[in-house]
C-alpha atoms as a PDB file:
ATOM      1  CA  MET A   1     246.284  -7.500-187.783  1.00  0.00           C
ATOM      2  CA  ASN A   2     248.287  -8.868-184.899  1.00  0.00           C
ATOM      3  CA  SER A   3     251.051 -10.971-186.386  1.00  0.00           C
ATOM      4  CA  THR A   4     250.922 -13.476-183.545  1.00  0.00           C
ATOM      5  CA  THR A   5     247.271 -14.294-183.970  1.00  0.00           C
ATOM      6  CA  CYS A   6     246.515 -13.731-187.610  1.00  0.00           C
ATOM      7  CA  SER A   7     244.330 -16.422-189.059  1.00  0.00           C
ATOM      8  CA  CYS A   8     246.198 -18.096-191.909  1.00  0.00           C
ATOM      9  CA  ASN A   9     244.360 -21.225-193.040  1.00  0.00           C
ATOM     10  CA  LEU A  10     246.983 -23.644-194.281  1.00  0.00           C
ATOM     11  CA  HIS A  11     244.441 -25.747-196.138  1.00  0.00           C
ATOM     12  CA  GLU A  12     243.497 -22.887-198.452  1.00  0.00           C
ATOM     13  CA  THR A  13     245.530 -22.580-201.607  1.00  0.00           C
ATOM     14  CA  THR A  14     244.243 -19.390-203.193  1.00  0.00           C
ATOM     15  CA  THR A  15     244.908 -15.873-202.001  1.00  0.00           C
ATOM     16  CA  SER A  16     241.233 -15.030-202.242  1.00  0.00           C
ATOM     17  CA  ASN A  17     240.600 -17.364-199.315  1.00  0.00           C
ATOM     18  CA  VAL A  18     242.863 -15.374-196.944  1.00  0.00           C
ATOM     19  CA  THR A  19     240.440 -13.654-194.571  1.00  0.00           C
ATOM     20  CA  MET A  20     240.927  -9.925-194.143  1.00  0.00           C
ATOM     21  CA  THR A  21     237.589  -8.548-192.923  1.00  0.00           C
ATOM     22  CA  LYS A  22     234.122 -10.021-192.907  1.00  0.00           C
ATOM     23  CA  ASP A  23     230.571  -8.812-192.657  1.00  0.00           C
ATOM     24  CA  ASN A  24     227.873 -10.379-190.506  1.00  0.00           C
ATOM     25  CA  GLY A  25     227.293 -13.101-193.053  1.00  0.00           C
ATOM     26  CA  GLY A  26     230.963 -14.062-193.173  1.00  0.00           C
ATOM     27  CA  LYS A  27     231.494 -12.669-196.663  1.00  0.00           C
ATOM     28  CA  THR A  28     234.890 -11.139-197.419  1.00  0.00           C
ATOM     29  CA  HIS A  29     235.076  -7.441-198.302  1.00  0.00           C
ATOM     30  CA  GLY A  30     237.642  -7.485-201.116  1.00  0.00           C
ATOM     31  CA  THR A  31     238.047  -3.702-201.311  1.00  0.00           C
ATOM     32  CA  ILE A  32     238.560  -3.292-197.555  1.00  0.00           C
ATOM     33  CA  GLY A  33     240.992  -6.203-197.603  1.00  0.00           C
ATOM     34  CA  VAL A  34     243.062  -4.534-200.312  1.00  0.00           C
ATOM     35  CA  ILE A  35     243.055  -1.217-198.414  1.00  0.00           C
ATOM     36  CA  VAL A  36     244.151  -2.906-195.173  1.00  0.00           C
ATOM     37  CA  PHE A  37     246.884  -4.822-196.991  1.00  0.00           C
ATOM     38  CA  SER A  38     248.086  -1.653-198.752  1.00  0.00           C
ATOM     39  CA  ILE A  39     248.243   0.422-195.549  1.00  0.00           C
ATOM     40  CA  SER A  40     250.022  -2.420-193.773  1.00  0.00           C
ATOM     41  CA  SER A  41     252.546  -2.639-196.616  1.00  0.00           C
ATOM     42  CA  VAL A  42     253.316   1.094-196.417  1.00  0.00           C
ATOM     43  CA  LEU A  43     253.766   0.988-192.624  1.00  0.00           C
ATOM     44  CA  VAL A  44     255.977  -2.098-192.764  1.00  0.00           C
ATOM     45  CA  ALA A  45     258.100  -0.775-195.649  1.00  0.00           C
ATOM     46  CA  PHE A  46     258.680   2.601-194.001  1.00  0.00           C
ATOM     47  CA  ALA A  47     259.527   0.968-190.645  1.00  0.00           C
ATOM     48  CA  PHE A  48     262.002  -1.446-192.232  1.00  0.00           C
ATOM     49  CA  VAL A  49     263.794   1.074-194.484  1.00  0.00           C
ATOM     50  CA  SER A  50     264.043   3.829-191.851  1.00  0.00           C
ATOM     51  CA  ASN A  51     265.351   1.524-189.127  1.00  0.00           C
ATOM     52  CA  LEU A  52     267.791  -0.134-191.512  1.00  0.00           C
ATOM     53  CA  CYS A  53     269.181   3.295-192.416  1.00  0.00           C
ATOM     54  CA  ILE A  54     269.570   4.238-188.751  1.00  0.00           C
ATOM     55  CA  GLN A  55     271.405   0.994-187.965  1.00  0.00           C
ATOM     56  CA  THR A  56     273.688   1.477-190.967  1.00  0.00           C
ATOM     57  CA  LEU A  57     274.596   4.963-189.731  1.00  0.00           C
ATOM     58  CA  LEU A  58     275.210   3.661-186.207  1.00  0.00           C
ATOM     59  CA  LEU A  59     277.550   0.929-187.467  1.00  0.00           C
ATOM     60  CA  THR A  60     279.453   3.098-189.942  1.00  0.00           C
ATOM     61  CA  ARG A  61     279.673   6.502-188.226  1.00  0.00           C
ATOM     62  CA  ARG A  62     282.105   6.621-185.324  1.00  0.00           C
ATOM     63  CA  ALA A  63     280.715   9.926-184.049  1.00  0.00           C
ATOM     64  CA  LEU A  64     277.407   8.227-183.254  1.00  0.00           C
ATOM     65  CA  ARG A  65     279.168   5.607-181.123  1.00  0.00           C
ATOM     66  CA  LYS A  66     281.044   8.031-178.880  1.00  0.00           C
ATOM     67  CA  GLN A  67     278.206   8.863-176.495  1.00  0.00           C
ATOM     68  CA  THR A  68     276.616   6.057-174.494  1.00  0.00           C
ATOM     69  CA  TYR A  69     273.178   7.666-174.584  1.00  0.00           C
ATOM     70  CA  THR A  70     273.216   8.000-178.384  1.00  0.00           C
ATOM     71  CA  VAL A  71     274.368   4.397-178.849  1.00  0.00           C
ATOM     72  CA  LEU A  72     271.623   3.058-176.584  1.00  0.00           C
ATOM     73  CA  VAL A  73     268.858   5.110-178.212  1.00  0.00           C
ATOM     74  CA  LEU A  74     269.855   4.247-181.770  1.00  0.00           C
ATOM     75  CA  SER A  75     270.243   0.569-180.798  1.00  0.00           C
ATOM     76  CA  LEU A  76     266.482   0.490-180.300  1.00  0.00           C
ATOM     77  CA  GLY A  77     266.390   0.236-184.074  1.00  0.00           C
ATOM     78  CA  PHE A  78     267.627  -3.360-183.940  1.00  0.00           C
ATOM     79  CA  GLY A  79     264.437  -4.431-182.172  1.00  0.00           C
ATOM     80  CA  ASP A  80     262.303  -2.307-184.485  1.00  0.00           C
ATOM     81  CA  THR A  81     264.035  -3.821-187.513  1.00  0.00           C
ATOM     82  CA  LEU A  82     263.142  -7.336-186.349  1.00  0.00           C
ATOM     83  CA  ILE A  83     259.534  -6.248-185.765  1.00  0.00           C
ATOM     84  CA  SER A  84     259.346  -4.753-189.258  1.00  0.00           C
ATOM     85  CA  ILE A  85     260.826  -7.948-190.739  1.00  0.00           C
ATOM     86  CA  SER A  86     258.077  -9.911-188.984  1.00  0.00           C
ATOM     87  CA  GLY A  87     255.627  -7.514-190.644  1.00  0.00           C
ATOM     88  CA  ILE A  88     257.156  -8.273-194.036  1.00  0.00           C
ATOM     89  CA  LEU A  89     256.834 -11.999-193.364  1.00  0.00           C
ATOM     90  CA  TRP A  90     253.207 -11.528-192.355  1.00  0.00           C
ATOM     91  CA  LEU A  91     252.503  -9.761-195.654  1.00  0.00           C
ATOM     92  CA  VAL A  92     254.204 -12.591-197.540  1.00  0.00           C
ATOM     93  CA  LEU A  93     252.252 -15.073-195.453  1.00  0.00           C
ATOM     94  CA  GLN A  94     248.983 -13.701-196.786  1.00  0.00           C
ATOM     95  CA  LYS A  95     250.041 -14.566-200.339  1.00  0.00           C
ATOM     96  CA  ALA A  96     252.214 -17.633-199.710  1.00  0.00           C
ATOM     97  CA  ASN A  97     251.497 -21.138-200.942  1.00  0.00           C
ATOM     98  CA  THR A  98     250.431 -23.772-198.428  1.00  0.00           C
ATOM     99  CA  SER A  99     253.851 -25.428-198.300  1.00  0.00           C
ATOM    100  CA  PHE A 100     255.585 -22.203-197.256  1.00  0.00           C
ATOM    101  CA  GLN A 101     253.124 -21.002-194.623  1.00  0.00           C
ATOM    102  CA  THR A 102     254.266 -23.152-191.703  1.00  0.00           C
ATOM    103  CA  PRO A 103     257.976 -22.138-191.769  1.00  0.00           C
ATOM    104  CA  LEU A 104     257.061 -18.514-192.457  1.00  0.00           C
ATOM    105  CA  CYS A 105     254.720 -18.516-189.470  1.00  0.00           C
ATOM    106  CA  GLY A 106     257.399 -19.832-187.107  1.00  0.00           C
ATOM    107  CA  VAL A 107     260.029 -17.352-188.315  1.00  0.00           C
ATOM    108  CA  MET A 108     257.543 -14.471-188.186  1.00  0.00           C
ATOM    109  CA  LEU A 109     256.521 -15.164-184.592  1.00  0.00           C
ATOM    110  CA  SER A 110     260.136 -15.589-183.479  1.00  0.00           C
ATOM    111  CA  MET A 111     261.187 -12.292-185.087  1.00  0.00           C
ATOM    112  CA  LEU A 112     258.242 -10.470-183.516  1.00  0.00           C
ATOM    113  CA  VAL A 113     258.836 -11.856-180.028  1.00  0.00           C
ATOM    114  CA  ILE A 114     262.597 -11.247-180.053  1.00  0.00           C
ATOM    115  CA  GLY A 115     262.157  -7.747-181.502  1.00  0.00           C
ATOM    116  CA  THR A 116     259.634  -6.818-178.809  1.00  0.00           C
ATOM    117  CA  PHE A 117     261.989  -8.008-176.072  1.00  0.00           C
ATOM    118  CA  LEU A 118     264.875  -6.022-177.584  1.00  0.00           C
ATOM    119  CA  SER A 119     262.789  -2.832-177.685  1.00  0.00           C
ATOM    120  CA  LEU A 120     261.715  -3.213-174.064  1.00  0.00           C
ATOM    121  CA  TYR A 121     265.136  -4.227-172.775  1.00  0.00           C
ATOM    122  CA  ILE A 122     267.095  -1.446-174.500  1.00  0.00           C
ATOM    123  CA  THR A 123     264.527   1.148-173.382  1.00  0.00           C
ATOM    124  CA  PHE A 124     265.072  -0.118-169.834  1.00  0.00           C
ATOM    125  CA  LEU A 125     268.850   0.248-170.268  1.00  0.00           C
ATOM    126  CA  ILE A 126     268.416   3.851-171.467  1.00  0.00           C
ATOM    127  CA  CYS A 127     266.335   4.667-168.381  1.00  0.00           C
ATOM    128  CA  LEU A 128     268.883   2.952-166.147  1.00  0.00           C
ATOM    129  CA  ASN A 129     271.773   4.852-167.739  1.00  0.00           C
ATOM    130  CA  ARG A 130     270.022   8.223-167.394  1.00  0.00           C
ATOM    131  CA  PHE A 131     269.086   7.467-163.781  1.00  0.00           C
ATOM    132  CA  LEU A 132     272.657   6.476-162.830  1.00  0.00           C
ATOM    133  CA  VAL A 133     274.011   9.619-164.528  1.00  0.00           C
ATOM    134  CA  THR A 134     271.506  11.771-162.656  1.00  0.00           C
ATOM    135  CA  VAL A 135     272.420  10.351-159.229  1.00  0.00           C
ATOM    136  CA  ASP A 136     276.174  10.308-160.108  1.00  0.00           C
ATOM    137  CA  ALA A 137     276.404   6.602-159.328  1.00  0.00           C
ATOM    138  CA  PRO A 138     279.790   4.870-159.919  1.00  0.00           C
ATOM    139  CA  MET A 139     277.833   1.887-161.266  1.00  0.00           C
ATOM    140  CA  ASN A 140     277.195   3.849-164.448  1.00  0.00           C
ATOM    141  CA  LYS A 141     280.864   3.639-165.498  1.00  0.00           C
ATOM    142  CA  ILE A 142     281.032  -0.008-164.502  1.00  0.00           C
ATOM    143  CA  LEU A 143     278.041  -0.959-166.655  1.00  0.00           C
ATOM    144  CA  PHE A 144     278.190   1.424-169.608  1.00  0.00           C
ATOM    145  CA  SER A 145     281.814   2.429-170.152  1.00  0.00           C
ATOM    146  CA  GLY A 146     283.659   1.305-173.285  1.00  0.00           C
ATOM    147  CA  LYS A 147     282.518  -1.911-174.883  1.00  0.00           C
ATOM    148  CA  ARG A 148     280.647  -3.021-171.778  1.00  0.00           C
ATOM    149  CA  LYS A 149     277.466  -1.311-172.929  1.00  0.00           C
ATOM    150  CA  PHE A 150     277.503  -3.422-176.092  1.00  0.00           C
ATOM    151  CA  TRP A 151     277.901  -6.654-174.144  1.00  0.00           C
ATOM    152  CA  LEU A 152     275.181  -5.498-171.764  1.00  0.00           C
ATOM    153  CA  MET A 153     272.832  -5.256-174.750  1.00  0.00           C
ATOM    154  CA  ILE A 154     274.026  -8.336-176.640  1.00  0.00           C
ATOM    155  CA  ILE A 155     274.240 -11.063-173.982  1.00  0.00           C
ATOM    156  CA  PRO A 156     270.660 -10.897-172.550  1.00  0.00           C
ATOM    157  CA  SER A 157     269.256 -10.405-176.059  1.00  0.00           C
ATOM    158  CA  PHE A 158     271.178 -13.441-177.311  1.00  0.00           C
ATOM    159  CA  ILE A 159     269.931 -15.570-174.403  1.00  0.00           C
ATOM    160  CA  ASP A 160     266.331 -14.520-175.055  1.00  0.00           C
ATOM    161  CA  ALA A 161     266.713 -15.270-178.781  1.00  0.00           C
ATOM    162  CA  ILE A 162     268.109 -18.749-178.046  1.00  0.00           C
ATOM    163  CA  LEU A 163     265.228 -19.497-175.663  1.00  0.00           C
ATOM    164  CA  ILE A 164     262.573 -18.383-178.143  1.00  0.00           C
ATOM    165  CA  LEU A 165     264.151 -20.175-181.109  1.00  0.00           C
ATOM    166  CA  SER A 166     264.521 -23.370-179.079  1.00  0.00           C
ATOM    167  CA  LEU A 167     260.802 -23.277-178.252  1.00  0.00           C
ATOM    168  CA  SER A 168     259.621 -22.240-181.717  1.00  0.00           C
ATOM    169  CA  PRO A 169     259.179 -25.081-184.233  1.00  0.00           C
ATOM    170  CA  LEU A 170     260.438 -23.053-187.215  1.00  0.00           C
ATOM    171  CA  TRP A 171     260.306 -25.985-189.584  1.00  0.00           C
ATOM    172  CA  GLY A 172     258.132 -28.275-187.518  1.00  0.00           C
ATOM    173  CA  LYS A 173     254.604 -29.589-187.703  1.00  0.00           C
ATOM    174  CA  ASN A 174     251.860 -28.152-189.859  1.00  0.00           C
ATOM    175  CA  THR A 175     249.451 -25.823-188.094  1.00  0.00           C
ATOM    176  CA  THR A 176     245.966 -24.752-189.040  1.00  0.00           C
ATOM    177  CA  GLN A 177     246.400 -21.214-187.686  1.00  0.00           C
ATOM    178  CA  CYS A 178     249.374 -18.913-187.232  1.00  0.00           C
ATOM    179  CA  ASN A 179     249.095 -17.996-183.561  1.00  0.00           C
ATOM    180  CA  VAL A 180     251.054 -18.627-180.379  1.00  0.00           C
ATOM    181  CA  LYS A 181     248.879 -21.461-179.110  1.00  0.00           C
ATOM    182  CA  SER A 182     248.990 -23.524-182.284  1.00  0.00           C
ATOM    183  CA  VAL A 183     252.602 -22.826-183.265  1.00  0.00           C
ATOM    184  CA  PHE A 184     254.258 -23.482-179.901  1.00  0.00           C
ATOM    185  CA  GLY A 185     251.978 -26.410-179.068  1.00  0.00           C
ATOM    186  CA  ARG A 186     253.207 -28.266-175.996  1.00  0.00           C
ATOM    187  CA  GLU A 187     255.837 -25.606-175.387  1.00  0.00           C
ATOM    188  CA  LYS A 188     253.258 -22.823-175.074  1.00  0.00           C
ATOM    189  CA  ILE A 189     253.384 -22.895-171.258  1.00  0.00           C
ATOM    190  CA  THR A 190     257.171 -22.572-171.268  1.00  0.00           C
ATOM    191  CA  PHE A 191     256.944 -19.805-173.844  1.00  0.00           C
ATOM    192  CA  GLY A 192     254.263 -18.057-171.761  1.00  0.00           C
ATOM    193  CA  VAL A 193     256.488 -18.153-168.673  1.00  0.00           C
ATOM    194  CA  VAL A 194     259.467 -16.760-170.622  1.00  0.00           C
ATOM    195  CA  TRP A 195     257.267 -14.066-172.180  1.00  0.00           C
ATOM    196  CA  MET A 196     255.656 -12.930-168.932  1.00  0.00           C
ATOM    197  CA  VAL A 197     258.825 -13.157-166.818  1.00  0.00           C
ATOM    198  CA  THR A 198     260.830 -11.028-169.255  1.00  0.00           C
ATOM    199  CA  ASN A 199     258.527  -8.550-170.990  1.00  0.00           C
ATOM    200  CA  ILE A 200     255.981  -7.561-168.342  1.00  0.00           C
ATOM    201  CA  PRO A 201     258.554  -6.856-165.572  1.00  0.00           C
ATOM    202  CA  LEU A 202     260.693  -4.952-168.091  1.00  0.00           C
ATOM    203  CA  LEU A 203     257.776  -2.762-169.109  1.00  0.00           C
ATOM    204  CA  VAL A 204     256.706  -2.006-165.537  1.00  0.00           C
ATOM    205  CA  SER A 205     260.231  -1.413-164.225  1.00  0.00           C
ATOM    206  CA  THR A 206     261.045   0.904-167.157  1.00  0.00           C
ATOM    207  CA  VAL A 207     258.029   3.098-166.438  1.00  0.00           C
ATOM    208  CA  VAL A 208     258.800   3.177-162.692  1.00  0.00           C
ATOM    209  CA  LEU A 209     262.465   3.952-163.348  1.00  0.00           C
ATOM    210  CA  TYR A 210     261.574   6.795-165.708  1.00  0.00           C
ATOM    211  CA  ILE A 211     259.262   8.370-163.123  1.00  0.00           C
ATOM    212  CA  ALA A 212     262.041   8.094-160.516  1.00  0.00           C
ATOM    213  CA  LEU A 213     264.486   9.607-163.035  1.00  0.00           C
ATOM    214  CA  VAL A 214     262.297  12.653-163.657  1.00  0.00           C
ATOM    215  CA  ARG A 215     261.791  13.244-159.932  1.00  0.00           C
ATOM    216  CA  LYS A 216     265.512  12.943-159.176  1.00  0.00           C
ATOM    217  CA  LEU A 217     266.413  15.223-162.070  1.00  0.00           C
ATOM    218  CA  MET A 218     263.965  17.939-161.013  1.00  0.00           C
ATOM    219  CA  LYS A 219     265.192  17.778-157.417  1.00  0.00           C
ATOM    220  CA  LYS A 220     268.827  17.961-158.540  1.00  0.00           C
ATOM    221  CA  PHE A 221     268.228  20.971-160.757  1.00  0.00           C
ATOM    222  CA  VAL A 222     266.494  22.803-157.922  1.00  0.00           C
ATOM    223  CA  ASN A 223     269.529  22.201-155.699  1.00  0.00           C
ATOM    224  CA  ILE A 224     271.912  23.342-158.461  1.00  0.00           C
ATOM    225  CA  ASP A 225     269.930  26.561-158.944  1.00  0.00           C
ATOM    226  CA  VAL A 226     270.119  27.277-155.213  1.00  0.00           C
ATOM    227  CA  GLN A 227     273.879  26.640-155.173  1.00  0.00           C
ATOM    228  CA  ALA A 228     274.398  28.858-158.227  1.00  0.00           C
ATOM    229  CA  SER A 229     272.534  31.757-156.619  1.00  0.00           C
ATOM    230  CA  GLU A 230     274.551  31.455-153.407  1.00  0.00           C
ATOM    231  CA  THR A 231     278.009  31.347-155.023  1.00  0.00           C
ATOM    232  CA  ASN A 232     280.157  34.256-156.129  1.00  0.00           C
ATOM    233  CA  SER A 233     280.651  32.762-159.604  1.00  0.00           C
ATOM    234  CA  GLY A 234     277.616  34.602-160.827  1.00  0.00           C
ATOM    235  CA  VAL A 235     276.967  34.512-164.552  1.00  0.00           C
ATOM    236  CA  ALA A 236     279.556  31.834-165.348  1.00  0.00           C
ATOM    237  CA  MET A 237     278.036  29.378-162.888  1.00  0.00           C
ATOM    238  CA  THR A 238     274.519  30.132-164.101  1.00  0.00           C
ATOM    239  CA  THR A 239     275.482  29.668-167.780  1.00  0.00           C
ATOM    240  CA  MET A 240     277.169  26.334-167.089  1.00  0.00           C
ATOM    241  CA  THR A 241     274.173  25.209-165.085  1.00  0.00           C
ATOM    242  CA  GLN A 242     271.719  26.178-167.833  1.00  0.00           C
ATOM    243  CA  GLU A 243     273.688  24.325-170.522  1.00  0.00           C
ATOM    244  CA  LYS A 244     273.849  21.224-168.382  1.00  0.00           C
ATOM    245  CA  LYS A 245     270.148  21.426-167.614  1.00  0.00           C
ATOM    246  CA  GLN A 246     269.254  21.795-171.289  1.00  0.00           C
ATOM    247  CA  GLN A 247     271.330  18.776-172.302  1.00  0.00           C
ATOM    248  CA  ARG A 248     269.972  16.566-169.548  1.00  0.00           C
ATOM    249  CA  MET A 249     266.386  17.693-170.051  1.00  0.00           C
ATOM    250  CA  ARG A 250     266.582  17.158-173.815  1.00  0.00           C
ATOM    251  CA  ALA A 251     267.788  13.585-173.260  1.00  0.00           C
ATOM    252  CA  VAL A 252     265.066  12.857-170.701  1.00  0.00           C
ATOM    253  CA  LYS A 253     262.334  14.381-172.896  1.00  0.00           C
ATOM    254  CA  THR A 254     263.490  12.282-175.860  1.00  0.00           C
ATOM    255  CA  LEU A 255     263.381   9.184-173.694  1.00  0.00           C
ATOM    256  CA  GLY A 256     259.919  10.176-172.497  1.00  0.00           C
ATOM    257  CA  ILE A 257     258.602  10.472-176.073  1.00  0.00           C
ATOM    258  CA  ILE A 258     260.053   7.060-176.955  1.00  0.00           C
ATOM    259  CA  LEU A 259     258.584   5.553-173.789  1.00  0.00           C
ATOM    260  CA  VAL A 260     255.099   6.947-174.446  1.00  0.00           C
ATOM    261  CA  PHE A 261     255.039   5.380-177.917  1.00  0.00           C
ATOM    262  CA  LEU A 262     256.382   2.112-176.509  1.00  0.00           C
ATOM    263  CA  VAL A 263     253.836   1.882-173.703  1.00  0.00           C
ATOM    264  CA  PHE A 264     250.767   2.758-175.769  1.00  0.00           C
ATOM    265  CA  CYS A 265     251.730   0.707-178.826  1.00  0.00           C
ATOM    266  CA  THR A 266     253.304  -2.347-177.183  1.00  0.00           C
ATOM    267  CA  THR A 267     251.368  -2.912-173.942  1.00  0.00           C
ATOM    268  CA  PRO A 268     248.140  -4.095-175.656  1.00  0.00           C
ATOM    269  CA  PHE A 269     250.205  -6.441-177.827  1.00  0.00           C
ATOM    270  CA  ILE A 270     252.002  -7.929-174.793  1.00  0.00           C
ATOM    271  CA  PHE A 271     248.752  -8.766-173.048  1.00  0.00           C
ATOM    272  CA  SER A 272     247.148 -10.012-176.277  1.00  0.00           C
ATOM    273  CA  MET A 273     249.991 -12.549-176.444  1.00  0.00           C
ATOM    274  CA  VAL A 274     249.187 -13.671-172.907  1.00  0.00           C
ATOM    275  CA  GLY A 275     245.511 -13.993-173.830  1.00  0.00           C
ATOM    276  CA  SER A 276     246.400 -16.012-176.920  1.00  0.00           C
ATOM    277  CA  LEU A 277     248.170 -18.561-174.716  1.00  0.00           C
ATOM    278  CA  PHE A 278     244.878 -19.202-172.953  1.00  0.00           C
ATOM    279  CA  GLY A 279     242.861 -19.381-176.161  1.00  0.00           C
ATOM    280  CA  ILE A 280     241.486 -15.829-175.960  1.00  0.00           C
ATOM    281  CA  GLU A 281     241.518 -14.639-179.570  1.00  0.00           C
ATOM    282  CA  LEU A 282     240.796 -11.050-180.540  1.00  0.00           C
ATOM    283  CA  LYS A 283     238.465  -9.973-183.307  1.00  0.00           C
ATOM    284  CA  GLN A 284     239.915  -9.345-186.739  1.00  0.00           C
ATOM    285  CA  THR A 285     239.568  -5.560-186.431  1.00  0.00           C
ATOM    286  CA  HIS A 286     241.356  -5.521-183.076  1.00  0.00           C
ATOM    287  CA  ARG A 287     244.224  -7.597-184.480  1.00  0.00           C
ATOM    288  CA  ILE A 288     244.634  -5.136-187.332  1.00  0.00           C
ATOM    289  CA  ILE A 289     244.785  -2.227-184.868  1.00  0.00           C
ATOM    290  CA  LEU A 290     247.413  -3.973-182.726  1.00  0.00           C
ATOM    291  CA  THR A 291     249.587  -4.730-185.744  1.00  0.00           C
ATOM    292  CA  TRP A 292     249.364  -1.165-187.008  1.00  0.00           C
ATOM    293  CA  ALA A 293     250.258   0.082-183.519  1.00  0.00           C
ATOM    294  CA  GLN A 294     253.398  -2.076-183.533  1.00  0.00           C
ATOM    295  CA  MET A 295     254.395  -0.817-186.973  1.00  0.00           C
ATOM    296  CA  ILE A 296     253.656   2.818-186.057  1.00  0.00           C
ATOM    297  CA  ASN A 297     255.930   2.471-183.027  1.00  0.00           C
ATOM    298  CA  SER A 298     258.661   0.958-185.208  1.00  0.00           C
ATOM    299  CA  PHE A 299     258.661   3.715-187.822  1.00  0.00           C
ATOM    300  CA  ALA A 300     258.037   6.555-185.316  1.00  0.00           C
ATOM    301  CA  ASN A 301     261.295   5.882-183.476  1.00  0.00           C
ATOM    302  CA  PRO A 302     263.611   6.814-186.403  1.00  0.00           C
ATOM    303  CA  ILE A 303     261.655  10.050-186.778  1.00  0.00           C
ATOM    304  CA  ILE A 304     262.141  10.761-183.070  1.00  0.00           C
ATOM    305  CA  TYR A 305     265.888  10.024-183.292  1.00  0.00           C
ATOM    306  CA  THR A 306     266.334  12.374-186.235  1.00  0.00           C
ATOM    307  CA  TRP A 307     264.268  15.083-184.568  1.00  0.00           C
ATOM    308  CA  ARG A 308     265.859  14.937-181.116  1.00  0.00           C
ATOM    309  CA  ILE A 309     269.470  13.715-181.501  1.00  0.00           C
ATOM    310  CA  ARG A 310     271.699  16.484-182.836  1.00  0.00           C
ATOM    311  CA  THR A 311     274.657  14.217-183.579  1.00  0.00           C
ATOM    312  CA  LEU A 312     272.434  12.160-185.870  1.00  0.00           C
ATOM    313  CA  GLN A 313     271.183  15.330-187.568  1.00  0.00           C
ATOM    314  CA  TYR A 314     274.772  16.378-188.187  1.00  0.00           C
ATOM    315  CA  GLU A 315     275.703  13.009-189.708  1.00  0.00           C
ATOM    316  CA  ILE A 316     272.641  13.014-191.971  1.00  0.00           C
ATOM    317  CA  ARG A 317     273.493  16.536-193.181  1.00  0.00           C
ATOM    318  CA  ASN A 318     277.025  15.370-193.944  1.00  0.00           C
ATOM    319  CA  ILE A 319     275.688  12.509-196.047  1.00  0.00           C
ATOM    320  CA  PHE A 320     273.407  14.817-198.034  1.00  0.00           C
ATOM    321  CA  SER A 321     276.257  17.310-198.492  1.00  0.00           C
ATOM    322  CA  TRP A 322     278.514  14.535-199.771  1.00  0.00           C
ATOM    323  CA  CYS A 323     275.808  13.331-202.163  1.00  0.00           C
ATOM    324  CA  HIS A 324     275.251  16.897-203.412  1.00  0.00           C
ATOM    325  CA  GLN A 325     278.969  17.338-204.057  1.00  0.00           C
ATOM    326  CA  ARG A 326     279.127  14.054-205.973  1.00  0.00           C
ATOM    327  CA  ILE A 327     276.183  15.089-208.143  1.00  0.00           C
ATOM    328  CA  ASP A 328     277.760  18.480-208.890  1.00  0.00           C
END
């Protein structure tokens, strides 16, 4: 169920009145509702716990903060954590009393919107970093060296959060439904402009930049292979070239996997938000699918990090080794 458009009737006081799925006569299927709620709970819980663990490792393990690429990739977890928190709030919203539903709705929508922006923006920064590294641009050191990469992530994210929170009536008027149109009210046009100006260009530019990155990388590797075959360095030059190619290609493939999940799971949600601004509401089944897609994207990323980032694998092994030694 899409968290931004889930129907949460604030005049109903019993949990049995929360609509999950309906048949043609409008009668609630209790069993299906329980199944949907249970699956949603598992997805949300796994997404929250896994991303929280990744962020804890990033903040506590210095080895993970040495490489710019690793920092940027693992920082995606901050956006995914906010999205999973919005999922938790949505689950609570289904069972909450009337008096708590309005503030929960505002907080939930704000978390979801800010988390989505963070995911898109940091993915864009990863693509930009990889592209600048590939073309050997001096701008890469200017933007991503030292603590600058952290400020590059924090400042735009903070500005977006302030804008969204200033438009969102977290503790404001009562609403009959928890969706963008009803929650933002008069500010929905301003919110729509902020949403479309930030998220849609970020998504499109990230995809275009990744395609350009792959083309540049392939062209560069072809030139390196030609140079290696023409030099007298022989095996040494070829070995160095192969190691460099493997490292770069592994990073680009990891980014590609993350980007595929992001595009397929987030794009429908972005445009469903735009439709909600104009009063176009999706069916209940479609909202469930969109919400599950968001949660799947959030819990898939930690799996991808652990699978593809060797430094993270090493740190996780160290933790398990330490725990094993303590037990013994």
